[in-house]
Amino acid sequence: MTLRALLWDVDGTLAETEDDGHRVAFNRAFAEAGLPWHWDSALYGELLAVAGGKERLRAWWQRIDPAAAAAPEAEALVRRLHVRKTAWYVELLARGVVGLRPGVAALLDAARAAGLQQAIATTTTPDNVTQLLDVTLGARGHRLFGVVGAGDVVPHKKPAPDIYLWVLQRLGLHAAECLAIEDSAVGVAAARAAGVPVLLVRSRFTGTAATTAIPGAVADVSSLQAVDLAQLRRWHGLADADLMRG
């Protein structure tokens, strides 16, 4: 099928937001609440196996203190911490702590010029997406994306396919007409579960192809810097060829 849309993940894909953005914001929220928790880079890399900020918090708490995490008041604390974490993250973005990854802006503009639809499919909250687009792309950032699927608009986070199915429905496109761009194993799994071909662009926490195998992607690259729209179309065509052979 012809490529008609690009579906973008955000954290680690559009920008390297995790280590210098989300992780720092979590730690500031913990300190502000008087909690003796601190996530260093190595630990945070492990926790990224759980998609979604609130879900990551719950998983961490269950890991270190299952009884407290199961208490009736635990969920309210998780939600308060996540609200404060989001506020800290937005502040960090406003200071210019992170920017778009190399090659991203050029591909976004090339896809728009070529008439491709573009959408966001992420587990991060809408406020995080809005601030990142405002800081890195300005007003044109919001015009690039016809659909923004973010946060709790679906009941299940990646690796469940829910966010991709939600986006596809609003775009009015078949999964095979799209190409997802992801940086993680859970993201690749989510796209593939929805039937969407996916390009893996490894980020700081993904690991290298030599050390971390992530099956299911039509291609596996370390950066989009040398990737153009023609190459994306060729990779998308590989998914069509696989379907025909299947």
C-alpha atoms as a PDB file:
ATOM      1  CA  MET A   1       0.000   0.000   0.000  1.00  0.00           C
ATOM      2  CA  THR A   2       1.014   3.598  -0.514  1.00  0.00           C
ATOM      3  CA  LEU A   3       2.448   5.385   2.490  1.00  0.00           C
ATOM      4  CA  ARG A   4      -0.078   8.001   3.572  1.00  0.00           C
ATOM      5  CA  ALA A   5       0.857   8.841   7.151  1.00  0.00           C
ATOM      6  CA  LEU A   6       3.693   8.910   9.679  1.00  0.00           C
ATOM      7  CA  LEU A   7       2.804   8.064  13.272  1.00  0.00           C
ATOM      8  CA  TRP A   8       5.355   9.475  15.705  1.00  0.00           C
ATOM      9  CA  ASP A   9       6.223   8.402  19.215  1.00  0.00           C
ATOM     10  CA  VAL A  10       7.469  11.307  21.343  1.00  0.00           C
ATOM     11  CA  ASP A  11       9.855  10.495  24.203  1.00  0.00           C
ATOM     12  CA  GLY A  12      13.132   9.203  22.835  1.00  0.00           C
ATOM     13  CA  THR A  13      11.864   9.500  19.252  1.00  0.00           C
ATOM     14  CA  LEU A  14      11.065  13.144  18.550  1.00  0.00           C
ATOM     15  CA  ALA A  15      13.454  14.193  21.308  1.00  0.00           C
ATOM     16  CA  GLU A  16      15.790  12.685  23.912  1.00  0.00           C
ATOM     17  CA  THR A  17      13.490  13.684  26.756  1.00  0.00           C
ATOM     18  CA  GLU A  18      13.882  10.800  29.154  1.00  0.00           C
ATOM     19  CA  ASP A  19      17.155  11.226  31.038  1.00  0.00           C
ATOM     20  CA  ASP A  20      17.462  15.016  31.225  1.00  0.00           C
ATOM     21  CA  GLY A  21      13.735  15.687  31.260  1.00  0.00           C
ATOM     22  CA  HIS A  22      11.346  13.103  32.689  1.00  0.00           C
ATOM     23  CA  ARG A  23      13.843  11.471  35.068  1.00  0.00           C
ATOM     24  CA  VAL A  24      14.896  14.812  36.538  1.00  0.00           C
ATOM     25  CA  ALA A  25      11.258  15.882  36.871  1.00  0.00           C
ATOM     26  CA  PHE A  26      10.362  12.684  38.722  1.00  0.00           C
ATOM     27  CA  ASN A  27      13.237  13.209  41.163  1.00  0.00           C
ATOM     28  CA  ARG A  28      12.180  16.800  41.829  1.00  0.00           C
ATOM     29  CA  ALA A  29       8.612  15.680  42.516  1.00  0.00           C
ATOM     30  CA  PHE A  30       9.895  13.018  44.925  1.00  0.00           C
ATOM     31  CA  ALA A  31      12.082  15.527  46.787  1.00  0.00           C
ATOM     32  CA  GLU A  32       9.268  18.070  46.932  1.00  0.00           C
ATOM     33  CA  ALA A  33       7.005  15.445  48.512  1.00  0.00           C
ATOM     34  CA  GLY A  34       9.653  14.511  51.062  1.00  0.00           C
ATOM     35  CA  LEU A  35      10.127  11.017  49.653  1.00  0.00           C
ATOM     36  CA  PRO A  36      13.551   9.316  49.909  1.00  0.00           C
ATOM     37  CA  TRP A  37      13.333   8.113  46.299  1.00  0.00           C
ATOM     38  CA  HIS A  38      15.880   8.926  43.625  1.00  0.00           C
ATOM     39  CA  TRP A  39      16.060   7.443  40.139  1.00  0.00           C
ATOM     40  CA  ASP A  40      19.529   7.490  38.612  1.00  0.00           C
ATOM     41  CA  SER A  41      20.019   6.936  34.892  1.00  0.00           C
ATOM     42  CA  ALA A  42      20.650   3.200  35.168  1.00  0.00           C
ATOM     43  CA  LEU A  43      17.558   2.609  37.284  1.00  0.00           C
ATOM     44  CA  TYR A  44      15.422   4.822  35.082  1.00  0.00           C
ATOM     45  CA  GLY A  45      16.521   2.849  32.048  1.00  0.00           C
ATOM     46  CA  GLU A  46      15.154  -0.287  33.716  1.00  0.00           C
ATOM     47  CA  LEU A  47      11.899   1.426  34.655  1.00  0.00           C
ATOM     48  CA  LEU A  48      11.289   2.481  31.053  1.00  0.00           C
ATOM     49  CA  ALA A  49      10.174  -1.092  30.423  1.00  0.00           C
ATOM     50  CA  VAL A  50       6.911   0.173  31.956  1.00  0.00           C
ATOM     51  CA  ALA A  51       5.161   2.650  29.650  1.00  0.00           C
ATOM     52  CA  GLY A  52       3.408   5.656  31.160  1.00  0.00           C
ATOM     53  CA  GLY A  53       4.470   7.875  34.039  1.00  0.00           C
ATOM     54  CA  LYS A  54       1.814   6.866  36.557  1.00  0.00           C
ATOM     55  CA  GLU A  55       2.277   3.242  35.622  1.00  0.00           C
ATOM     56  CA  ARG A  56       6.038   3.582  36.122  1.00  0.00           C
ATOM     57  CA  LEU A  57       5.492   5.099  39.547  1.00  0.00           C
ATOM     58  CA  ARG A  58       3.163   2.295  40.588  1.00  0.00           C
ATOM     59  CA  ALA A  59       5.601  -0.352  39.357  1.00  0.00           C
ATOM     60  CA  TRP A  60       8.468   1.251  41.303  1.00  0.00           C
ATOM     61  CA  TRP A  61       6.475   1.526  44.496  1.00  0.00           C
ATOM     62  CA  GLN A  62       5.283  -2.070  44.229  1.00  0.00           C
ATOM     63  CA  ARG A  63       8.879  -3.121  43.749  1.00  0.00           C
ATOM     64  CA  ILE A  64      10.240  -1.417  46.877  1.00  0.00           C
ATOM     65  CA  ASP A  65       7.226  -1.528  49.233  1.00  0.00           C
ATOM     66  CA  PRO A  66       4.325  -3.703  48.024  1.00  0.00           C
ATOM     67  CA  ALA A  67       2.269  -3.174  51.181  1.00  0.00           C
ATOM     68  CA  ALA A  68       2.387   0.627  50.988  1.00  0.00           C
ATOM     69  CA  ALA A  69       1.722   0.541  47.251  1.00  0.00           C
ATOM     70  CA  ALA A  70      -1.427  -1.491  47.874  1.00  0.00           C
ATOM     71  CA  ALA A  71      -2.804   0.863  50.553  1.00  0.00           C
ATOM     72  CA  PRO A  72      -6.074   2.693  49.796  1.00  0.00           C
ATOM     73  CA  GLU A  73      -4.372   6.103  49.745  1.00  0.00           C
ATOM     74  CA  ALA A  74      -1.577   5.012  47.389  1.00  0.00           C
ATOM     75  CA  GLU A  75      -3.352   5.830  44.145  1.00  0.00           C
ATOM     76  CA  ALA A  76      -4.057   9.402  45.217  1.00  0.00           C
ATOM     77  CA  LEU A  77      -0.358   9.913  45.997  1.00  0.00           C
ATOM     78  CA  VAL A  78       0.666   8.465  42.630  1.00  0.00           C
ATOM     79  CA  ARG A  79      -1.631  10.925  40.867  1.00  0.00           C
ATOM     80  CA  ARG A  80      -0.397  13.901  42.921  1.00  0.00           C
ATOM     81  CA  LEU A  81       3.217  12.987  42.266  1.00  0.00           C
ATOM     82  CA  HIS A  82       2.534  12.641  38.561  1.00  0.00           C
ATOM     83  CA  VAL A  83       0.859  16.050  38.404  1.00  0.00           C
ATOM     84  CA  ARG A  84       3.870  17.654  40.064  1.00  0.00           C
ATOM     85  CA  LYS A  85       6.266  15.686  37.904  1.00  0.00           C
ATOM     86  CA  THR A  86       4.489  16.974  34.783  1.00  0.00           C
ATOM     87  CA  ALA A  87       4.750  20.549  36.065  1.00  0.00           C
ATOM     88  CA  TRP A  88       8.491  20.147  36.659  1.00  0.00           C
ATOM     89  CA  TYR A  89       8.930  18.571  33.216  1.00  0.00           C
ATOM     90  CA  VAL A  90       7.112  21.421  31.484  1.00  0.00           C
ATOM     91  CA  GLU A  91       9.362  23.884  33.338  1.00  0.00           C
ATOM     92  CA  LEU A  92      12.481  22.001  32.229  1.00  0.00           C
ATOM     93  CA  LEU A  93      11.319  22.087  28.617  1.00  0.00           C
ATOM     94  CA  ALA A  94      10.636  25.811  28.861  1.00  0.00           C
ATOM     95  CA  ARG A  95      14.287  26.253  29.850  1.00  0.00           C
ATOM     96  CA  GLY A  96      15.378  24.499  26.650  1.00  0.00           C
ATOM     97  CA  VAL A  97      16.790  21.437  28.386  1.00  0.00           C
ATOM     98  CA  VAL A  98      15.972  19.173  25.417  1.00  0.00           C
ATOM     99  CA  GLY A  99      15.590  19.638  21.681  1.00  0.00           C
ATOM    100  CA  LEU A 100      14.489  17.591  18.710  1.00  0.00           C
ATOM    101  CA  ARG A 101      16.733  14.723  17.679  1.00  0.00           C
ATOM    102  CA  PRO A 102      18.842  15.194  14.523  1.00  0.00           C
ATOM    103  CA  GLY A 103      16.871  14.774  11.313  1.00  0.00           C
ATOM    104  CA  VAL A 104      13.442  14.962  12.937  1.00  0.00           C
ATOM    105  CA  ALA A 105      12.501  18.520  11.925  1.00  0.00           C
ATOM    106  CA  ALA A 106      13.569  17.939   8.325  1.00  0.00           C
ATOM    107  CA  LEU A 107      11.458  14.773   8.065  1.00  0.00           C
ATOM    108  CA  LEU A 108       8.439  16.458   9.653  1.00  0.00           C
ATOM    109  CA  ASP A 109       8.611  19.273   7.122  1.00  0.00           C
ATOM    110  CA  ALA A 110       9.283  16.959   4.179  1.00  0.00           C
ATOM    111  CA  ALA A 111       6.291  14.781   5.052  1.00  0.00           C
ATOM    112  CA  ARG A 112       4.030  17.819   5.321  1.00  0.00           C
ATOM    113  CA  ALA A 113       5.278  19.178   1.983  1.00  0.00           C
ATOM    114  CA  ALA A 114       4.612  15.799   0.359  1.00  0.00           C
ATOM    115  CA  GLY A 115       1.025  15.742   1.641  1.00  0.00           C
ATOM    116  CA  LEU A 116       1.469  12.929   4.146  1.00  0.00           C
ATOM    117  CA  GLN A 117      -0.673  13.008   7.237  1.00  0.00           C
ATOM    118  CA  GLN A 118       1.172  12.954  10.555  1.00  0.00           C
ATOM    119  CA  ALA A 119       0.030  11.986  14.027  1.00  0.00           C
ATOM    120  CA  ILE A 120       1.425  11.448  17.487  1.00  0.00           C
ATOM    121  CA  ALA A 121       0.947   8.143  19.296  1.00  0.00           C
ATOM    122  CA  THR A 122       2.446   8.353  22.776  1.00  0.00           C
ATOM    123  CA  THR A 123       1.917   7.383  26.395  1.00  0.00           C
ATOM    124  CA  THR A 124       3.109  10.757  27.719  1.00  0.00           C
ATOM    125  CA  THR A 125       0.579  13.359  28.849  1.00  0.00           C
ATOM    126  CA  PRO A 126      -0.890  15.958  26.458  1.00  0.00           C
ATOM    127  CA  ASP A 127       0.737  18.827  28.399  1.00  0.00           C
ATOM    128  CA  ASN A 128       4.142  17.260  27.820  1.00  0.00           C
ATOM    129  CA  VAL A 129       3.496  16.978  24.091  1.00  0.00           C
ATOM    130  CA  THR A 130       2.202  20.545  23.823  1.00  0.00           C
ATOM    131  CA  GLN A 131       5.187  22.032  25.624  1.00  0.00           C
ATOM    132  CA  LEU A 132       7.709  20.030  23.606  1.00  0.00           C
ATOM    133  CA  LEU A 133       6.142  21.140  20.321  1.00  0.00           C
ATOM    134  CA  ASP A 134       5.912  24.760  21.474  1.00  0.00           C
ATOM    135  CA  VAL A 135       9.549  24.892  22.557  1.00  0.00           C
ATOM    136  CA  THR A 136      11.082  23.003  19.637  1.00  0.00           C
ATOM    137  CA  LEU A 137       8.853  23.901  16.673  1.00  0.00           C
ATOM    138  CA  GLY A 138       6.824  26.914  17.723  1.00  0.00           C
ATOM    139  CA  ALA A 139       3.369  27.487  16.255  1.00  0.00           C
ATOM    140  CA  ARG A 140       4.061  25.327  13.208  1.00  0.00           C
ATOM    141  CA  GLY A 141       4.540  22.286  15.441  1.00  0.00           C
ATOM    142  CA  HIS A 142       0.838  21.919  16.093  1.00  0.00           C
ATOM    143  CA  ARG A 143      -0.013  22.298  12.406  1.00  0.00           C
ATOM    144  CA  LEU A 144       2.198  19.331  11.550  1.00  0.00           C
ATOM    145  CA  PHE A 145       0.058  16.807  13.438  1.00  0.00           C
ATOM    146  CA  GLY A 146      -3.547  16.203  12.467  1.00  0.00           C
ATOM    147  CA  VAL A 147      -4.120  13.845  15.405  1.00  0.00           C
ATOM    148  CA  VAL A 148      -2.454  13.744  18.808  1.00  0.00           C
ATOM    149  CA  GLY A 149      -2.973  10.537  20.765  1.00  0.00           C
ATOM    150  CA  ALA A 150      -1.503  11.035  24.236  1.00  0.00           C
ATOM    151  CA  GLY A 151      -1.840  10.144  27.888  1.00  0.00           C
ATOM    152  CA  ASP A 152      -4.966   8.459  29.174  1.00  0.00           C
ATOM    153  CA  VAL A 153      -7.146   8.701  26.052  1.00  0.00           C
ATOM    154  CA  VAL A 154      -6.959   4.897  25.896  1.00  0.00           C
ATOM    155  CA  PRO A 155      -7.263   2.387  28.749  1.00  0.00           C
ATOM    156  CA  HIS A 156      -4.053   0.457  28.091  1.00  0.00           C
ATOM    157  CA  LYS A 157      -0.590   1.858  27.442  1.00  0.00           C
ATOM    158  CA  LYS A 158       2.057   0.435  25.131  1.00  0.00           C
ATOM    159  CA  PRO A 159       2.865  -2.396  24.413  1.00  0.00           C
ATOM    160  CA  ALA A 160      -0.916  -2.709  24.023  1.00  0.00           C
ATOM    161  CA  PRO A 161      -2.011  -1.451  20.575  1.00  0.00           C
ATOM    162  CA  ASP A 162      -4.716   0.866  21.953  1.00  0.00           C
ATOM    163  CA  ILE A 163      -3.077   4.221  21.202  1.00  0.00           C
ATOM    164  CA  TYR A 164      -2.311   3.224  17.626  1.00  0.00           C
ATOM    165  CA  LEU A 165      -5.828   1.933  17.055  1.00  0.00           C
ATOM    166  CA  TRP A 166      -7.192   5.202  18.480  1.00  0.00           C
ATOM    167  CA  VAL A 167      -5.025   7.269  16.134  1.00  0.00           C
ATOM    168  CA  LEU A 168      -5.828   5.138  13.095  1.00  0.00           C
ATOM    169  CA  GLN A 169      -9.540   5.506  13.702  1.00  0.00           C
ATOM    170  CA  ARG A 170      -9.268   9.298  13.809  1.00  0.00           C
ATOM    171  CA  LEU A 171      -7.058   9.461  10.742  1.00  0.00           C
ATOM    172  CA  GLY A 172      -9.449   7.186   8.866  1.00  0.00           C
ATOM    173  CA  LEU A 173      -6.554   5.126   7.536  1.00  0.00           C
ATOM    174  CA  HIS A 174      -5.690   1.451   7.326  1.00  0.00           C
ATOM    175  CA  ALA A 175      -2.729   0.365   9.449  1.00  0.00           C
ATOM    176  CA  ALA A 176      -0.793  -0.708   6.360  1.00  0.00           C
ATOM    177  CA  GLU A 177      -1.006   2.840   4.961  1.00  0.00           C
ATOM    178  CA  CYS A 178       1.051   4.165   7.865  1.00  0.00           C
ATOM    179  CA  LEU A 179       4.587   3.955   9.203  1.00  0.00           C
ATOM    180  CA  ALA A 180       5.194   4.274  12.937  1.00  0.00           C
ATOM    181  CA  ILE A 181       8.469   5.674  14.233  1.00  0.00           C
ATOM    182  CA  GLU A 182       9.458   4.346  17.660  1.00  0.00           C
ATOM    183  CA  ASP A 183      12.542   4.099  19.865  1.00  0.00           C
ATOM    184  CA  SER A 184      11.663   1.235  22.225  1.00  0.00           C
ATOM    185  CA  ALA A 185      10.706  -2.416  22.363  1.00  0.00           C
ATOM    186  CA  VAL A 186       7.325  -1.586  23.914  1.00  0.00           C
ATOM    187  CA  GLY A 187       6.672   0.962  21.193  1.00  0.00           C
ATOM    188  CA  VAL A 188       7.561  -1.448  18.407  1.00  0.00           C
ATOM    189  CA  ALA A 189       5.327  -4.087  20.005  1.00  0.00           C
ATOM    190  CA  ALA A 190       2.410  -1.645  20.250  1.00  0.00           C
ATOM    191  CA  ALA A 191       2.648  -0.602  16.609  1.00  0.00           C
ATOM    192  CA  ARG A 192       2.969  -4.156  15.359  1.00  0.00           C
ATOM    193  CA  ALA A 193       0.043  -5.313  17.509  1.00  0.00           C
ATOM    194  CA  ALA A 194      -2.040  -2.674  15.726  1.00  0.00           C
ATOM    195  CA  GLY A 195      -0.782  -3.891  12.341  1.00  0.00           C
ATOM    196  CA  VAL A 196       1.295  -0.769  11.681  1.00  0.00           C
ATOM    197  CA  PRO A 197       4.741  -1.173  10.084  1.00  0.00           C
ATOM    198  CA  VAL A 198       7.339   0.433  12.333  1.00  0.00           C
ATOM    199  CA  LEU A 199      10.797   1.954  12.038  1.00  0.00           C
ATOM    200  CA  LEU A 200      13.009   1.621  15.118  1.00  0.00           C
ATOM    201  CA  VAL A 201      15.196   4.666  15.799  1.00  0.00           C
ATOM    202  CA  ARG A 202      17.335   3.800  18.788  1.00  0.00           C
ATOM    203  CA  SER A 203      17.635   6.377  21.545  1.00  0.00           C
ATOM    204  CA  ARG A 204      19.849   6.734  24.616  1.00  0.00           C
ATOM    205  CA  PHE A 205      18.022   4.032  26.550  1.00  0.00           C
ATOM    206  CA  THR A 206      17.289   1.604  23.712  1.00  0.00           C
ATOM    207  CA  GLY A 207      20.720   0.038  23.591  1.00  0.00           C
ATOM    208  CA  THR A 208      22.646  -0.816  20.448  1.00  0.00           C
ATOM    209  CA  ALA A 209      21.626  -3.291  17.792  1.00  0.00           C
ATOM    210  CA  ALA A 210      24.667  -5.366  18.715  1.00  0.00           C
ATOM    211  CA  THR A 211      23.552  -5.784  22.325  1.00  0.00           C
ATOM    212  CA  THR A 212      19.748  -5.485  22.272  1.00  0.00           C
ATOM    213  CA  ALA A 213      17.670  -7.326  19.704  1.00  0.00           C
ATOM    214  CA  ILE A 214      14.247  -5.757  19.064  1.00  0.00           C
ATOM    215  CA  PRO A 215      12.367  -7.752  16.429  1.00  0.00           C
ATOM    216  CA  GLY A 216       9.441  -6.525  14.385  1.00  0.00           C
ATOM    217  CA  ALA A 217      10.721  -3.311  12.796  1.00  0.00           C
ATOM    218  CA  VAL A 218      11.124  -2.822   9.033  1.00  0.00           C
ATOM    219  CA  ALA A 219      14.477  -1.155   9.787  1.00  0.00           C
ATOM    220  CA  ASP A 220      16.671  -0.426  12.792  1.00  0.00           C
ATOM    221  CA  VAL A 221      18.716   2.792  12.807  1.00  0.00           C
ATOM    222  CA  SER A 222      20.564   4.899  15.366  1.00  0.00           C
ATOM    223  CA  SER A 223      19.422   8.276  14.029  1.00  0.00           C
ATOM    224  CA  LEU A 224      17.151   9.956  11.479  1.00  0.00           C
ATOM    225  CA  GLN A 225      19.854  12.429  10.510  1.00  0.00           C
ATOM    226  CA  ALA A 226      20.661  10.741   7.194  1.00  0.00           C
ATOM    227  CA  VAL A 227      17.108   9.488   6.531  1.00  0.00           C
ATOM    228  CA  ASP A 228      14.887  11.177   3.953  1.00  0.00           C
ATOM    229  CA  LEU A 229      11.285  10.655   2.909  1.00  0.00           C
ATOM    230  CA  ALA A 230      12.274   8.454  -0.021  1.00  0.00           C
ATOM    231  CA  GLN A 231      14.015   6.084   2.388  1.00  0.00           C
ATOM    232  CA  LEU A 232      10.949   5.978   4.626  1.00  0.00           C
ATOM    233  CA  ARG A 233       8.849   5.021   1.602  1.00  0.00           C
ATOM    234  CA  ARG A 234      11.290   2.234   0.734  1.00  0.00           C
ATOM    235  CA  TRP A 235      11.181   0.857   4.274  1.00  0.00           C
ATOM    236  CA  HIS A 236       7.401   1.044   4.263  1.00  0.00           C
ATOM    237  CA  GLY A 237       7.471  -0.921   1.011  1.00  0.00           C
ATOM    238  CA  LEU A 238       9.376  -3.706   2.759  1.00  0.00           C
ATOM    239  CA  ALA A 239       6.337  -4.245   4.979  1.00  0.00           C
ATOM    240  CA  ASP A 240       4.146  -4.618   1.867  1.00  0.00           C
ATOM    241  CA  ALA A 241       6.580  -7.181   0.483  1.00  0.00           C
ATOM    242  CA  ASP A 242       6.478  -9.144   3.722  1.00  0.00           C
ATOM    243  CA  LEU A 243       2.675  -9.186   3.642  1.00  0.00           C
ATOM    244  CA  MET A 244       2.674 -10.480   0.070  1.00  0.00           C
ATOM    245  CA  ARG A 245       5.104 -13.243   0.937  1.00  0.00           C
ATOM    246  CA  GLY A 246       2.990 -14.126   3.985  1.00  0.00           C
END
